Amino acid sequence: MSLPRIHLVIGPGTLHSRGHDRMDFANYRKSGKPRMTGQELLAELPEIAKIANVTVDPGNPHEVTTLEEIRRLAHHVNELTQRADVDGVVFVQGTNVLEETAYMLTLTVKSAKPVVVTGAQRPFTALSADAALNLYDAFRVAACADTHGKGVVVATNGEINAARDVTKTNTYHVHTFRSRDVGMLGYADPDRIVYYRAPLQRHTVNSEFSADLNVPLPRVELMGLYAGSQAGMAEAAVKLGAKGLVIAGIGAGAMGTLTDECMKIAAERRAVVVRSARVGEGRVFVDSAYHEPNFIAAGNLLPQKAALLLSLALTRTADLAEIQRIFDQY
């Protein structure tokens, strides 16, 4: 039988970086050495050729620093998955905003074909690097028939997580990507890829969103709170042009010193205000003492992903009931 045809797309990041030496775990960005190309990665990992026929994207590297750049990547990946000669896509990028990229892809790529995002905490050249195995496992996951229909997934450290739920939880250790609230989808174990659950939220072929580059993404600002936060941040963001605000609230999504100004902004419809929580687990919901009229509750969606979803939602509607429906379904 022919091997699955997997297309390799690469952005900036640690996985394909080269350090000063094998003990360079943290300063490799200053090494002056160019990142490895897709062809160089494949040459270092001939084992991948045994599980997939790989093509390397000629447009590499793809930037993913801004939301607009991530959307351009999503548009490209969507085009790739519509091709008859592509059975799946692996995307390699840095871990800092990997979860935002994966979530944008799962909301806008209109295909049930496997799309797997991976990265690494240590550069390819480091002692005991996670880079090579994460890349190899990403191809295994992309080549696995059971990955079809599960939306975009993140494969790192032998674990498979849904794009919606996964988040980076550690600055340098390799066990960083976790779905703390609901758990992983499965494992990339040595013997086989195994899944234990599938995401139930809307994604990919069932999503109402697209990566249409002709539709401007409304500006959304994310702001976090702590005990010493001062009032005025929300008003300042709106004056700077924000059409949406996501508040990473304290506790169960309380807005603290921003409550009054956010209530006023929401009531006057100057921006859509979403309540989320900084704690990392648990739902923020409407039937709560912290919820006020015209606010949107983010559920258990993390603040950074709530900001991304709100920006996409605002391309379709300004109706608050519709935006709450979107947060409930995605």
C-alpha atoms as a PDB file:
ATOM      1  CA  MET A   1       0.000   0.000   0.000  1.00  0.00           C
ATOM      2  CA  SER A   2       1.174   3.551  -0.727  1.00  0.00           C
ATOM      3  CA  LEU A   3       2.220   5.719   2.165  1.00  0.00           C
ATOM      4  CA  PRO A   4       0.146   8.760   3.208  1.00  0.00           C
ATOM      5  CA  ARG A   5       1.220  11.968   1.467  1.00  0.00           C
ATOM      6  CA  ILE A   6       2.018  14.530   4.136  1.00  0.00           C
ATOM      7  CA  HIS A   7       2.979  18.138   3.412  1.00  0.00           C
ATOM      8  CA  LEU A   8       5.503  19.772   5.757  1.00  0.00           C
ATOM      9  CA  VAL A   9       4.988  23.463   6.515  1.00  0.00           C
ATOM     10  CA  ILE A  10       7.385  25.360   8.766  1.00  0.00           C
ATOM     11  CA  GLY A  11       7.320  28.636  10.666  1.00  0.00           C
ATOM     12  CA  PRO A  12       9.893  30.133  13.033  1.00  0.00           C
ATOM     13  CA  GLY A  13      10.688  28.350  16.264  1.00  0.00           C
ATOM     14  CA  THR A  14      12.878  26.192  18.464  1.00  0.00           C
ATOM     15  CA  LEU A  15      12.447  22.745  16.939  1.00  0.00           C
ATOM     16  CA  HIS A  16      14.579  23.450  13.882  1.00  0.00           C
ATOM     17  CA  SER A  17      16.981  25.880  15.574  1.00  0.00           C
ATOM     18  CA  ARG A  18      20.709  25.271  16.052  1.00  0.00           C
ATOM     19  CA  GLY A  19      22.461  26.258  19.263  1.00  0.00           C
ATOM     20  CA  HIS A  20      26.020  27.270  20.005  1.00  0.00           C
ATOM     21  CA  ASP A  21      26.714  23.708  21.194  1.00  0.00           C
ATOM     22  CA  ARG A  22      24.909  20.690  22.666  1.00  0.00           C
ATOM     23  CA  MET A  23      24.473  22.413  26.017  1.00  0.00           C
ATOM     24  CA  ASP A  24      22.729  25.444  24.541  1.00  0.00           C
ATOM     25  CA  PHE A  25      19.157  25.090  25.804  1.00  0.00           C
ATOM     26  CA  ALA A  26      18.161  28.734  26.114  1.00  0.00           C
ATOM     27  CA  ASN A  27      20.378  31.079  24.053  1.00  0.00           C
ATOM     28  CA  TYR A  28      20.170  29.409  20.634  1.00  0.00           C
ATOM     29  CA  ARG A  29      18.416  32.419  19.114  1.00  0.00           C
ATOM     30  CA  LYS A  30      21.722  34.270  19.500  1.00  0.00           C
ATOM     31  CA  SER A  31      23.857  31.534  17.955  1.00  0.00           C
ATOM     32  CA  GLY A  32      23.887  33.180  14.540  1.00  0.00           C
ATOM     33  CA  LYS A  33      23.223  29.815  12.904  1.00  0.00           C
ATOM     34  CA  PRO A  34      20.334  29.530  10.436  1.00  0.00           C
ATOM     35  CA  ARG A  35      17.394  27.309  11.305  1.00  0.00           C
ATOM     36  CA  MET A  36      17.227  23.940   9.611  1.00  0.00           C
ATOM     37  CA  THR A  37      15.169  23.689   6.455  1.00  0.00           C
ATOM     38  CA  GLY A  38      12.504  21.085   5.872  1.00  0.00           C
ATOM     39  CA  GLN A  39      14.861  19.122   3.658  1.00  0.00           C
ATOM     40  CA  GLU A  40      17.563  19.184   6.347  1.00  0.00           C
ATOM     41  CA  LEU A  41      15.120  17.969   8.995  1.00  0.00           C
ATOM     42  CA  LEU A  42      14.026  15.082   6.815  1.00  0.00           C
ATOM     43  CA  ALA A  43      17.641  14.161   6.060  1.00  0.00           C
ATOM     44  CA  GLU A  44      18.313  13.937   9.814  1.00  0.00           C
ATOM     45  CA  LEU A  45      15.223  11.743  10.304  1.00  0.00           C
ATOM     46  CA  PRO A  46      15.184   9.092   7.549  1.00  0.00           C
ATOM     47  CA  GLU A  47      12.692   7.129   9.663  1.00  0.00           C
ATOM     48  CA  ILE A  48       9.960   9.524   8.530  1.00  0.00           C
ATOM     49  CA  ALA A  49      10.272   8.225   4.955  1.00  0.00           C
ATOM     50  CA  LYS A  50       9.091   4.836   6.216  1.00  0.00           C
ATOM     51  CA  ILE A  51       5.741   6.203   7.389  1.00  0.00           C
ATOM     52  CA  ALA A  52       4.924   8.997   4.910  1.00  0.00           C
ATOM     53  CA  ASN A  53       5.726  10.431   1.519  1.00  0.00           C
ATOM     54  CA  VAL A  54       6.685  13.971   2.492  1.00  0.00           C
ATOM     55  CA  THR A  55       6.671  17.118   0.415  1.00  0.00           C
ATOM     56  CA  VAL A  56       8.187  20.320   1.777  1.00  0.00           C
ATOM     57  CA  ASP A  57       6.300  23.570   1.348  1.00  0.00           C
ATOM     58  CA  PRO A  58       8.182  25.926  -1.003  1.00  0.00           C
ATOM     59  CA  GLY A  59       6.885  28.945   0.922  1.00  0.00           C
ATOM     60  CA  ASN A  60       8.715  28.081   4.161  1.00  0.00           C
ATOM     61  CA  PRO A  61       9.176  29.723   6.565  1.00  0.00           C
ATOM     62  CA  HIS A  62       5.692  31.098   7.273  1.00  0.00           C
ATOM     63  CA  GLU A  63       5.532  33.876   9.869  1.00  0.00           C
ATOM     64  CA  VAL A  64       3.039  33.550  12.740  1.00  0.00           C
ATOM     65  CA  THR A  65       3.797  36.575  14.902  1.00  0.00           C
ATOM     66  CA  THR A  66       0.490  38.381  14.386  1.00  0.00           C
ATOM     67  CA  LEU A  67      -3.109  37.217  14.127  1.00  0.00           C
ATOM     68  CA  GLU A  68      -3.175  38.296  10.490  1.00  0.00           C
ATOM     69  CA  GLU A  69      -0.087  36.195   9.744  1.00  0.00           C
ATOM     70  CA  ILE A  70      -1.676  33.208  11.469  1.00  0.00           C
ATOM     71  CA  ARG A  71      -4.782  33.701   9.352  1.00  0.00           C
ATOM     72  CA  ARG A  72      -2.662  33.773   6.187  1.00  0.00           C
ATOM     73  CA  LEU A  73      -1.146  30.487   7.287  1.00  0.00           C
ATOM     74  CA  ALA A  74      -4.648  29.072   7.863  1.00  0.00           C
ATOM     75  CA  HIS A  75      -5.648  30.160   4.373  1.00  0.00           C
ATOM     76  CA  HIS A  76      -2.611  28.353   2.963  1.00  0.00           C
ATOM     77  CA  VAL A  77      -3.222  25.170   4.977  1.00  0.00           C
ATOM     78  CA  ASN A  78      -6.854  25.188   3.901  1.00  0.00           C
ATOM     79  CA  GLU A  79      -5.751  25.311   0.267  1.00  0.00           C
ATOM     80  CA  LEU A  80      -3.316  22.447   0.864  1.00  0.00           C
ATOM     81  CA  THR A  81      -5.966  20.201   2.390  1.00  0.00           C
ATOM     82  CA  GLN A  82      -8.200  20.674  -0.649  1.00  0.00           C
ATOM     83  CA  ARG A  83      -5.543  19.124  -2.884  1.00  0.00           C
ATOM     84  CA  ALA A  84      -6.012  15.517  -3.965  1.00  0.00           C
ATOM     85  CA  ASP A  85      -2.272  14.859  -3.646  1.00  0.00           C
ATOM     86  CA  VAL A  86      -2.146  15.902   0.052  1.00  0.00           C
ATOM     87  CA  ASP A  87      -3.452  13.503   2.721  1.00  0.00           C
ATOM     88  CA  GLY A  88      -2.410  15.604   5.700  1.00  0.00           C
ATOM     89  CA  VAL A  89      -0.324  18.536   6.902  1.00  0.00           C
ATOM     90  CA  VAL A  90       2.330  18.894   9.595  1.00  0.00           C
ATOM     91  CA  PHE A  91       3.124  22.415  10.756  1.00  0.00           C
ATOM     92  CA  VAL A  92       6.218  23.199  12.837  1.00  0.00           C
ATOM     93  CA  GLN A  93       6.452  26.409  14.828  1.00  0.00           C
ATOM     94  CA  GLY A  94       7.704  27.964  18.027  1.00  0.00           C
ATOM     95  CA  THR A  95       5.870  27.026  21.197  1.00  0.00           C
ATOM     96  CA  ASN A  96       5.152  30.570  22.426  1.00  0.00           C
ATOM     97  CA  VAL A  97       1.935  31.058  20.420  1.00  0.00           C
ATOM     98  CA  LEU A  98       1.573  27.527  19.075  1.00  0.00           C
ATOM     99  CA  GLU A  99      -1.798  27.139  20.782  1.00  0.00           C
ATOM    100  CA  GLU A 100      -3.210  30.244  19.058  1.00  0.00           C
ATOM    101  CA  THR A 101      -2.045  28.988  15.661  1.00  0.00           C
ATOM    102  CA  ALA A 102      -3.563  25.565  16.243  1.00  0.00           C
ATOM    103  CA  TYR A 103      -6.866  27.086  17.364  1.00  0.00           C
ATOM    104  CA  MET A 104      -7.073  29.388  14.332  1.00  0.00           C
ATOM    105  CA  LEU A 105      -6.419  26.402  12.077  1.00  0.00           C
ATOM    106  CA  THR A 106      -9.078  24.268  13.723  1.00  0.00           C
ATOM    107  CA  LEU A 107     -11.624  27.094  13.365  1.00  0.00           C
ATOM    108  CA  THR A 108     -10.931  27.889   9.710  1.00  0.00           C
ATOM    109  CA  VAL A 109      -9.498  24.879   7.845  1.00  0.00           C
ATOM    110  CA  LYS A 110     -12.391  23.190   6.026  1.00  0.00           C
ATOM    111  CA  SER A 111     -11.128  19.634   5.917  1.00  0.00           C
ATOM    112  CA  ALA A 112     -11.317  16.430   7.925  1.00  0.00           C
ATOM    113  CA  LYS A 113      -7.786  15.530   6.832  1.00  0.00           C
ATOM    114  CA  PRO A 114      -5.189  15.419   9.616  1.00  0.00           C
ATOM    115  CA  VAL A 115      -3.542  18.727  10.430  1.00  0.00           C
ATOM    116  CA  VAL A 116      -0.908  18.310  13.134  1.00  0.00           C
ATOM    117  CA  VAL A 117       0.977  21.149  14.833  1.00  0.00           C
ATOM    118  CA  THR A 118       4.197  20.498  16.708  1.00  0.00           C
ATOM    119  CA  GLY A 119       7.123  22.329  18.239  1.00  0.00           C
ATOM    120  CA  ALA A 120       9.908  21.749  20.733  1.00  0.00           C
ATOM    121  CA  GLN A 121      11.283  23.148  23.963  1.00  0.00           C
ATOM    122  CA  ARG A 122      14.887  22.384  23.029  1.00  0.00           C
ATOM    123  CA  PRO A 123      16.650  23.075  19.729  1.00  0.00           C
ATOM    124  CA  PHE A 124      17.462  20.201  17.398  1.00  0.00           C
ATOM    125  CA  THR A 125      21.152  20.399  18.332  1.00  0.00           C
ATOM    126  CA  ALA A 126      20.706  20.224  22.129  1.00  0.00           C
ATOM    127  CA  LEU A 127      21.556  17.285  24.335  1.00  0.00           C
ATOM    128  CA  SER A 128      18.419  15.161  24.857  1.00  0.00           C
ATOM    129  CA  ALA A 129      16.379  17.447  22.616  1.00  0.00           C
ATOM    130  CA  ASP A 130      12.664  16.773  22.171  1.00  0.00           C
ATOM    131  CA  ALA A 131      12.777  18.194  18.630  1.00  0.00           C
ATOM    132  CA  ALA A 132      13.458  15.061  16.576  1.00  0.00           C
ATOM    133  CA  LEU A 133      10.964  12.826  18.360  1.00  0.00           C
ATOM    134  CA  ASN A 134       8.219  15.474  18.336  1.00  0.00           C
ATOM    135  CA  LEU A 135       8.611  15.894  14.586  1.00  0.00           C
ATOM    136  CA  TYR A 136       8.671  12.141  13.979  1.00  0.00           C
ATOM    137  CA  ASP A 137       5.571  11.662  16.136  1.00  0.00           C
ATOM    138  CA  ALA A 138       3.784  14.508  14.342  1.00  0.00           C
ATOM    139  CA  PHE A 139       4.180  12.608  11.068  1.00  0.00           C
ATOM    140  CA  ARG A 140       2.991   9.404  12.718  1.00  0.00           C
ATOM    141  CA  VAL A 141      -0.117  11.210  13.979  1.00  0.00           C
ATOM    142  CA  ALA A 142      -0.741  12.814  10.593  1.00  0.00           C
ATOM    143  CA  ALA A 143      -0.388   9.433   8.864  1.00  0.00           C
ATOM    144  CA  CYS A 144      -2.801   7.735  11.267  1.00  0.00           C
ATOM    145  CA  ALA A 145      -6.313   7.127   9.897  1.00  0.00           C
ATOM    146  CA  ASP A 146      -7.803   7.696  13.364  1.00  0.00           C
ATOM    147  CA  THR A 147      -6.685  11.348  13.271  1.00  0.00           C
ATOM    148  CA  HIS A 148      -9.225  12.092  10.519  1.00  0.00           C
ATOM    149  CA  GLY A 149     -12.136  14.202  11.699  1.00  0.00           C
ATOM    150  CA  LYS A 150     -10.670  15.192  15.057  1.00  0.00           C
ATOM    151  CA  GLY A 151      -9.862  18.751  14.067  1.00  0.00           C
ATOM    152  CA  VAL A 152      -6.387  20.191  14.344  1.00  0.00           C
ATOM    153  CA  VAL A 153      -4.280  18.432  16.964  1.00  0.00           C
ATOM    154  CA  VAL A 154      -1.020  19.218  18.734  1.00  0.00           C
ATOM    155  CA  ALA A 155       1.504  16.381  19.064  1.00  0.00           C
ATOM    156  CA  THR A 156       4.348  16.855  21.555  1.00  0.00           C
ATOM    157  CA  ASN A 157       6.070  14.791  24.230  1.00  0.00           C
ATOM    158  CA  GLY A 158       4.255  11.630  23.173  1.00  0.00           C
ATOM    159  CA  GLU A 159       0.837  13.194  23.757  1.00  0.00           C
ATOM    160  CA  ILE A 160      -1.950  14.333  21.424  1.00  0.00           C
ATOM    161  CA  ASN A 161      -4.074  17.312  22.434  1.00  0.00           C
ATOM    162  CA  ALA A 162      -6.975  19.110  20.792  1.00  0.00           C
ATOM    163  CA  ALA A 163      -6.161  22.561  19.437  1.00  0.00           C
ATOM    164  CA  ARG A 164      -9.004  24.163  21.396  1.00  0.00           C
ATOM    165  CA  ASP A 165      -7.963  22.803  24.778  1.00  0.00           C
ATOM    166  CA  VAL A 166      -4.167  22.700  24.733  1.00  0.00           C
ATOM    167  CA  THR A 167      -1.965  25.330  26.341  1.00  0.00           C
ATOM    168  CA  LYS A 168       1.693  25.826  27.157  1.00  0.00           C
ATOM    169  CA  THR A 169       2.213  25.275  30.893  1.00  0.00           C
ATOM    170  CA  ASN A 170       5.988  25.372  31.418  1.00  0.00           C
ATOM    171  CA  THR A 171       8.624  27.772  30.164  1.00  0.00           C
ATOM    172  CA  TYR A 172      11.438  25.304  29.353  1.00  0.00           C
ATOM    173  CA  HIS A 173      10.546  21.749  30.407  1.00  0.00           C
ATOM    174  CA  VAL A 174       9.472  19.350  27.674  1.00  0.00           C
ATOM    175  CA  HIS A 175       6.189  18.359  29.339  1.00  0.00           C
ATOM    176  CA  THR A 176       4.627  21.720  28.617  1.00  0.00           C
ATOM    177  CA  PHE A 177       1.604  21.272  26.320  1.00  0.00           C
ATOM    178  CA  ARG A 178      -1.388  20.061  28.290  1.00  0.00           C
ATOM    179  CA  SER A 179      -5.152  20.221  28.211  1.00  0.00           C
ATOM    180  CA  ARG A 180      -5.445  20.919  31.897  1.00  0.00           C
ATOM    181  CA  ASP A 181      -9.215  21.189  32.095  1.00  0.00           C
ATOM    182  CA  VAL A 182     -10.389  18.218  30.010  1.00  0.00           C
ATOM    183  CA  GLY A 183      -7.328  16.087  29.262  1.00  0.00           C
ATOM    184  CA  MET A 184      -5.509  14.882  26.190  1.00  0.00           C
ATOM    185  CA  LEU A 185      -7.015  13.059  23.227  1.00  0.00           C
ATOM    186  CA  GLY A 186      -4.494  10.240  23.160  1.00  0.00           C
ATOM    187  CA  TYR A 187      -0.878   9.125  22.935  1.00  0.00           C
ATOM    188  CA  ALA A 188       1.812   8.739  20.327  1.00  0.00           C
ATOM    189  CA  ASP A 189       3.172   5.588  21.945  1.00  0.00           C
ATOM    190  CA  PRO A 190       6.089   3.547  20.566  1.00  0.00           C
ATOM    191  CA  ASP A 191       3.824   0.790  19.267  1.00  0.00           C
ATOM    192  CA  ARG A 192       0.963   2.851  17.803  1.00  0.00           C
ATOM    193  CA  ILE A 193      -1.099   6.025  17.849  1.00  0.00           C
ATOM    194  CA  VAL A 194      -4.034   5.587  20.223  1.00  0.00           C
ATOM    195  CA  TYR A 195      -7.016   7.885  20.839  1.00  0.00           C
ATOM    196  CA  TYR A 196      -9.333   7.817  23.849  1.00  0.00           C
ATOM    197  CA  ARG A 197     -11.692  10.673  23.025  1.00  0.00           C
ATOM    198  CA  ALA A 198     -12.606  13.208  20.353  1.00  0.00           C
ATOM    199  CA  PRO A 199     -13.377  16.950  20.651  1.00  0.00           C
ATOM    200  CA  LEU A 200     -17.089  17.760  20.779  1.00  0.00           C
ATOM    201  CA  GLN A 201     -16.873  21.497  20.102  1.00  0.00           C
ATOM    202  CA  ARG A 202     -17.365  22.687  16.515  1.00  0.00           C
ATOM    203  CA  HIS A 203     -14.255  22.684  14.359  1.00  0.00           C
ATOM    204  CA  THR A 204     -12.896  22.416  10.791  1.00  0.00           C
ATOM    205  CA  VAL A 205     -15.625  21.098   8.460  1.00  0.00           C
ATOM    206  CA  ASN A 206     -18.357  22.011  10.969  1.00  0.00           C
ATOM    207  CA  SER A 207     -17.058  25.504  11.667  1.00  0.00           C
ATOM    208  CA  GLU A 208     -18.864  28.583  10.347  1.00  0.00           C
ATOM    209  CA  PHE A 209     -15.593  30.511  10.110  1.00  0.00           C
ATOM    210  CA  SER A 210     -13.139  30.764   7.254  1.00  0.00           C
ATOM    211  CA  ALA A 211      -9.683  32.139   6.580  1.00  0.00           C
ATOM    212  CA  ASP A 212     -11.014  34.656   4.053  1.00  0.00           C
ATOM    213  CA  LEU A 213      -8.203  37.176   3.688  1.00  0.00           C
ATOM    214  CA  ASN A 214     -10.571  39.789   2.265  1.00  0.00           C
ATOM    215  CA  VAL A 215     -12.455  40.192   5.550  1.00  0.00           C
ATOM    216  CA  PRO A 216     -10.641  42.473   8.049  1.00  0.00           C
ATOM    217  CA  LEU A 217     -10.109  41.049  11.529  1.00  0.00           C
ATOM    218  CA  PRO A 218     -11.538  43.461  14.118  1.00  0.00           C
ATOM    219  CA  ARG A 219      -9.094  44.529  16.795  1.00  0.00           C
ATOM    220  CA  VAL A 220      -9.501  42.707  20.109  1.00  0.00           C
ATOM    221  CA  GLU A 221      -7.472  43.463  23.214  1.00  0.00           C
ATOM    222  CA  LEU A 222      -6.754  41.061  26.063  1.00  0.00           C
ATOM    223  CA  MET A 223      -6.074  42.381  29.541  1.00  0.00           C
ATOM    224  CA  GLY A 224      -5.241  40.536  32.725  1.00  0.00           C
ATOM    225  CA  LEU A 225      -6.114  41.513  36.273  1.00  0.00           C
ATOM    226  CA  TYR A 226      -4.392  41.262  39.605  1.00  0.00           C
ATOM    227  CA  ALA A 227      -5.091  42.690  43.061  1.00  0.00           C
ATOM    228  CA  GLY A 228      -3.408  45.995  42.206  1.00  0.00           C
ATOM    229  CA  SER A 229      -4.972  46.632  38.795  1.00  0.00           C
ATOM    230  CA  GLN A 230      -6.075  50.202  38.243  1.00  0.00           C
ATOM    231  CA  ALA A 231      -9.251  51.299  36.477  1.00  0.00           C
ATOM    232  CA  GLY A 232      -8.980  52.821  33.016  1.00  0.00           C
ATOM    233  CA  MET A 233      -7.344  50.036  30.987  1.00  0.00           C
ATOM    234  CA  ALA A 234     -10.564  49.026  29.245  1.00  0.00           C
ATOM    235  CA  GLU A 235     -11.412  52.616  28.314  1.00  0.00           C
ATOM    236  CA  ALA A 236      -7.887  53.128  26.995  1.00  0.00           C
ATOM    237  CA  ALA A 237      -8.128  50.015  24.801  1.00  0.00           C
ATOM    238  CA  VAL A 238     -11.420  51.163  23.282  1.00  0.00           C
ATOM    239  CA  LYS A 239     -10.017  54.634  22.610  1.00  0.00           C
ATOM    240  CA  LEU A 240      -7.129  52.937  20.785  1.00  0.00           C
ATOM    241  CA  GLY A 241      -9.597  51.201  18.477  1.00  0.00           C
ATOM    242  CA  ALA A 242     -10.492  47.905  20.136  1.00  0.00           C
ATOM    243  CA  LYS A 243     -13.832  46.496  19.000  1.00  0.00           C
ATOM    244  CA  GLY A 244     -13.650  43.671  21.499  1.00  0.00           C
ATOM    245  CA  LEU A 245     -12.235  43.223  25.000  1.00  0.00           C
ATOM    246  CA  VAL A 246     -11.359  39.959  26.698  1.00  0.00           C
ATOM    247  CA  ILE A 247     -10.811  40.287  30.430  1.00  0.00           C
ATOM    248  CA  ALA A 248      -8.719  37.545  32.057  1.00  0.00           C
ATOM    249  CA  GLY A 249     -10.594  38.000  35.294  1.00  0.00           C
ATOM    250  CA  ILE A 250      -9.717  37.004  38.809  1.00  0.00           C
ATOM    251  CA  GLY A 251     -11.287  33.932  40.391  1.00  0.00           C
ATOM    252  CA  ALA A 252     -14.347  32.856  38.430  1.00  0.00           C
ATOM    253  CA  GLY A 253     -14.024  35.724  35.973  1.00  0.00           C
ATOM    254  CA  ALA A 254     -14.539  38.752  38.225  1.00  0.00           C
ATOM    255  CA  MET A 255     -13.526  42.030  36.590  1.00  0.00           C
ATOM    256  CA  GLY A 256     -12.491  43.804  39.767  1.00  0.00           C
ATOM    257  CA  THR A 257     -11.573  47.450  39.184  1.00  0.00           C
ATOM    258  CA  LEU A 258     -12.600  47.212  35.507  1.00  0.00           C
ATOM    259  CA  THR A 259     -16.210  46.244  36.265  1.00  0.00           C
ATOM    260  CA  ASP A 260     -17.829  49.670  36.033  1.00  0.00           C
ATOM    261  CA  GLU A 261     -16.056  50.811  32.874  1.00  0.00           C
ATOM    262  CA  CYS A 262     -16.652  47.450  31.174  1.00  0.00           C
ATOM    263  CA  MET A 263     -20.356  47.627  32.043  1.00  0.00           C
ATOM    264  CA  LYS A 264     -20.504  51.119  30.530  1.00  0.00           C
ATOM    265  CA  ILE A 265     -18.585  50.109  27.394  1.00  0.00           C
ATOM    266  CA  ALA A 266     -20.796  47.055  26.883  1.00  0.00           C
ATOM    267  CA  ALA A 267     -24.040  48.958  27.534  1.00  0.00           C
ATOM    268  CA  GLU A 268     -23.059  51.643  25.029  1.00  0.00           C
ATOM    269  CA  ARG A 269     -22.027  48.940  22.513  1.00  0.00           C
ATOM    270  CA  ARG A 270     -18.643  50.571  21.972  1.00  0.00           C
ATOM    271  CA  ALA A 271     -16.992  47.152  22.220  1.00  0.00           C
ATOM    272  CA  VAL A 272     -17.985  43.561  22.991  1.00  0.00           C
ATOM    273  CA  VAL A 273     -16.760  42.536  26.443  1.00  0.00           C
ATOM    274  CA  VAL A 274     -15.925  38.896  27.191  1.00  0.00           C
ATOM    275  CA  ARG A 275     -15.399  37.543  30.688  1.00  0.00           C
ATOM    276  CA  SER A 276     -12.747  34.851  30.987  1.00  0.00           C
ATOM    277  CA  ALA A 277     -10.545  33.711  33.879  1.00  0.00           C
ATOM    278  CA  ARG A 278      -6.836  33.781  34.547  1.00  0.00           C
ATOM    279  CA  VAL A 279      -6.866  30.554  36.613  1.00  0.00           C
ATOM    280  CA  GLY A 280      -6.495  28.159  33.680  1.00  0.00           C
ATOM    281  CA  GLU A 281      -9.232  25.661  34.517  1.00  0.00           C
ATOM    282  CA  GLY A 282     -13.003  25.750  34.934  1.00  0.00           C
ATOM    283  CA  ARG A 283     -15.885  27.543  33.255  1.00  0.00           C
ATOM    284  CA  VAL A 284     -16.877  31.197  33.318  1.00  0.00           C
ATOM    285  CA  PHE A 285     -20.652  31.224  32.890  1.00  0.00           C
ATOM    286  CA  VAL A 286     -23.573  33.597  32.530  1.00  0.00           C
ATOM    287  CA  ASP A 287     -25.539  32.610  35.640  1.00  0.00           C
ATOM    288  CA  SER A 288     -23.019  34.159  37.982  1.00  0.00           C
ATOM    289  CA  ALA A 289     -22.810  37.040  40.432  1.00  0.00           C
ATOM    290  CA  TYR A 290     -19.938  38.413  38.318  1.00  0.00           C
ATOM    291  CA  HIS A 291     -21.917  38.515  35.073  1.00  0.00           C
ATOM    292  CA  GLU A 292     -23.638  41.717  34.016  1.00  0.00           C
ATOM    293  CA  PRO A 293     -26.020  42.507  31.131  1.00  0.00           C
ATOM    294  CA  ASN A 294     -24.290  42.738  27.723  1.00  0.00           C
ATOM    295  CA  PHE A 295     -21.268  40.688  28.842  1.00  0.00           C
ATOM    296  CA  ILE A 296     -20.213  37.475  27.086  1.00  0.00           C
ATOM    297  CA  ALA A 297     -19.063  34.444  29.094  1.00  0.00           C
ATOM    298  CA  ALA A 298     -16.080  32.541  27.678  1.00  0.00           C
ATOM    299  CA  GLY A 299     -16.864  29.150  29.215  1.00  0.00           C
ATOM    300  CA  ASN A 300     -13.615  27.252  29.758  1.00  0.00           C
ATOM    301  CA  LEU A 301     -11.903  28.843  26.762  1.00  0.00           C
ATOM    302  CA  LEU A 302      -8.564  30.314  27.792  1.00  0.00           C
ATOM    303  CA  PRO A 303      -8.268  34.131  27.523  1.00  0.00           C
ATOM    304  CA  GLN A 304      -5.835  34.113  24.590  1.00  0.00           C
ATOM    305  CA  LYS A 305      -8.119  31.795  22.623  1.00  0.00           C
ATOM    306  CA  ALA A 306     -11.209  33.756  23.633  1.00  0.00           C
ATOM    307  CA  ALA A 307      -9.578  36.831  22.061  1.00  0.00           C
ATOM    308  CA  LEU A 308      -8.978  34.940  18.820  1.00  0.00           C
ATOM    309  CA  LEU A 309     -12.531  33.572  18.725  1.00  0.00           C
ATOM    310  CA  LEU A 310     -14.003  37.006  19.483  1.00  0.00           C
ATOM    311  CA  SER A 311     -12.096  38.548  16.582  1.00  0.00           C
ATOM    312  CA  LEU A 312     -13.457  35.895  14.218  1.00  0.00           C
ATOM    313  CA  ALA A 313     -16.966  36.213  15.674  1.00  0.00           C
ATOM    314  CA  LEU A 314     -16.943  39.975  15.069  1.00  0.00           C
ATOM    315  CA  THR A 315     -16.317  39.364  11.368  1.00  0.00           C
ATOM    316  CA  ARG A 316     -19.772  37.775  11.247  1.00  0.00           C
ATOM    317  CA  THR A 317     -21.980  39.531  13.781  1.00  0.00           C
ATOM    318  CA  ALA A 318     -22.272  42.199  16.473  1.00  0.00           C
ATOM    319  CA  ASP A 319     -25.359  40.599  18.018  1.00  0.00           C
ATOM    320  CA  LEU A 320     -24.557  39.663  21.613  1.00  0.00           C
ATOM    321  CA  ALA A 321     -26.830  36.619  21.689  1.00  0.00           C
ATOM    322  CA  GLU A 322     -25.149  35.303  18.550  1.00  0.00           C
ATOM    323  CA  ILE A 323     -21.676  35.910  19.985  1.00  0.00           C
ATOM    324  CA  GLN A 324     -22.637  34.069  23.180  1.00  0.00           C
ATOM    325  CA  ARG A 325     -23.935  31.196  21.015  1.00  0.00           C
ATOM    326  CA  ILE A 326     -20.543  31.110  19.270  1.00  0.00           C
ATOM    327  CA  PHE A 327     -18.676  30.911  22.585  1.00  0.00           C
ATOM    328  CA  ASP A 328     -20.998  28.159  23.757  1.00  0.00           C
ATOM    329  CA  GLN A 329     -20.394  26.061  20.628  1.00  0.00           C
ATOM    330  CA  TYR A 330     -16.685  26.596  20.024  1.00  0.00           C
END
